[in-house]
Protein backbone atom coordinates (compact mmCIF):
# COMPACT_ATOMS: atom_id res chain seq x y z
CA VAL A 1 65.36 141.63 94.79
CA GLN A 2 61.71 141.84 93.72
CA LEU A 3 60.52 139.92 96.79
CA MET A 4 62.32 142.44 99.00
CA TYR A 5 61.01 145.39 96.97
CA ILE A 6 57.38 144.21 97.19
CA CYS A 7 57.77 143.60 100.90
CA ASP A 8 59.23 147.00 101.55
CA ARG A 9 56.50 148.77 99.57
CA LEU A 10 53.72 146.87 101.37
CA GLY A 11 55.40 146.60 104.80
CA LEU A 12 55.06 142.81 104.89
CA PHE A 13 58.38 142.01 106.60
CA ARG A 14 57.66 144.66 109.24
CA LEU A 15 54.22 143.15 109.92
CA VAL A 16 55.66 139.64 110.24
CA ALA A 17 58.46 140.93 112.48
CA GLU A 18 55.93 142.60 114.81
CA ALA A 19 54.06 139.32 115.33
CA CYS A 20 55.68 137.44 118.22
CA SER A 21 54.34 134.01 117.24
CA GLY A 22 54.36 134.47 113.46
CA LEU A 23 51.42 134.97 111.13
CA THR A 24 49.43 132.91 108.69
CA ALA A 25 49.11 134.28 105.17
CA ALA A 26 45.46 135.17 105.91
CA GLU A 27 46.44 137.10 109.05
CA LEU A 28 49.21 138.91 107.17
CA ALA A 29 46.90 139.71 104.24
CA THR A 30 44.30 141.17 106.61
CA ARG A 31 46.87 143.35 108.38
CA ALA A 32 48.41 144.53 105.08
CA GLY A 33 45.14 145.00 103.23
CA CYS A 34 46.19 142.59 100.46
CA HIS A 35 44.57 139.55 98.83
CA VAL A 36 45.42 136.36 100.72
CA ARG A 37 46.38 134.40 97.58
CA TYR A 38 49.09 136.91 96.65
CA VAL A 39 50.41 137.03 100.21
CA GLU A 40 50.53 133.21 100.39
CA THR A 41 52.56 133.09 97.17
CA TRP A 42 54.87 135.83 98.45
CA CYS A 43 55.38 133.97 101.77
CA GLN A 44 56.22 130.74 99.98
CA GLY A 45 58.75 132.57 97.80
CA CYS A 46 60.34 134.15 100.87
CA VAL A 47 60.67 130.76 102.58
CA ALA A 48 62.21 129.30 99.41
CA HIS A 49 64.81 132.11 99.41
CA SER A 50 65.39 131.93 103.20
CA PHE A 51 63.89 135.40 103.79
CA MET A 52 61.33 133.88 106.22
CA GLU A 53 60.87 130.71 108.22
CA THR A 54 58.12 128.22 108.86
CA GLU A 55 57.92 126.17 112.05
CA PRO A 56 57.67 123.36 112.88
CA ARG A 57 59.23 121.86 109.79
CA VAL A 58 57.57 118.96 108.06
CA PRO A 59 59.02 116.89 105.17
CA ASP A 60 57.93 119.27 102.39
CA GLY A 61 59.37 122.27 104.27
CA ALA A 62 55.99 123.75 105.26
CA ALA A 63 54.86 124.67 108.73
CA ILE A 64 51.42 123.16 109.11
CA LEU A 65 49.08 124.14 111.90
CA GLU A 66 46.36 121.74 113.00
CA ASP A 67 43.91 123.29 110.54
CA GLY A 68 46.37 122.81 107.65
CA VAL A 69 47.48 126.47 107.52
CA ARG A 70 51.13 127.54 107.44
CA ARG A 71 52.56 130.06 109.92
CA TYR A 72 55.44 132.33 108.86
CA TRP A 73 57.97 134.21 111.01
CA LEU A 74 61.38 135.95 110.92
CA THR A 75 64.50 135.03 112.88
CA ALA A 76 66.35 137.79 114.74
CA ALA A 77 68.92 137.99 111.92
CA GLN A 78 66.20 138.18 109.25
CA ARG A 79 64.42 140.93 111.21
CA GLU A 80 67.65 142.93 111.40
CA VAL A 81 68.29 142.71 107.65
CA LEU A 82 64.71 142.86 106.32
CA ALA A 83 62.52 144.69 108.84
CA ASP A 84 64.59 146.97 111.07
CA GLU A 85 65.20 150.20 109.13
CA SER A 86 67.42 151.52 111.96
CA SER A 87 69.81 148.56 111.61
CA ARG A 88 73.10 149.09 109.80
CA HIS A 89 72.42 145.73 108.13
CA PHE A 90 69.02 146.71 106.66
CA GLN A 91 68.95 145.73 102.96
CA CYS A 92 65.51 146.66 101.59
CA GLY A 93 66.82 150.05 100.48
CA ALA A 94 69.20 148.23 98.15
CA ALA A 95 66.23 146.38 96.65
CA GLN A 96 64.59 149.74 95.89
CA LEU A 97 67.77 150.95 94.22
CA PHE A 98 68.13 147.82 92.06
CA SER A 99 64.45 147.91 91.07
CA ALA A 100 64.68 151.56 90.08
CA SER A 101 67.85 150.89 88.07
CA ALA A 102 66.16 148.05 86.19
CA GLN A 103 63.19 150.26 85.29
CA ALA A 104 65.36 153.12 83.98
């Protein structure tokens, strides 16, 4: 829930969804105005929870570009649930509700 909440507040899923060929953590951090280390950690958490993908897959599950940097992207189904606010399957609003309930 917290990964979804952070993403929704910062617009990270939307930024990844807009990128046709995916983004590296540094590219995403630049577009979002966030520190690259935090974005890299967030991306790794999202991949671990199947909220995002990395491609091509290598044995440790990372997508490694030639310079050793990972590229992250969303599938069509992930975009519908995590980035498309007009979709009837959009779930980030639920993450806001659960986060607010936990803080109350």
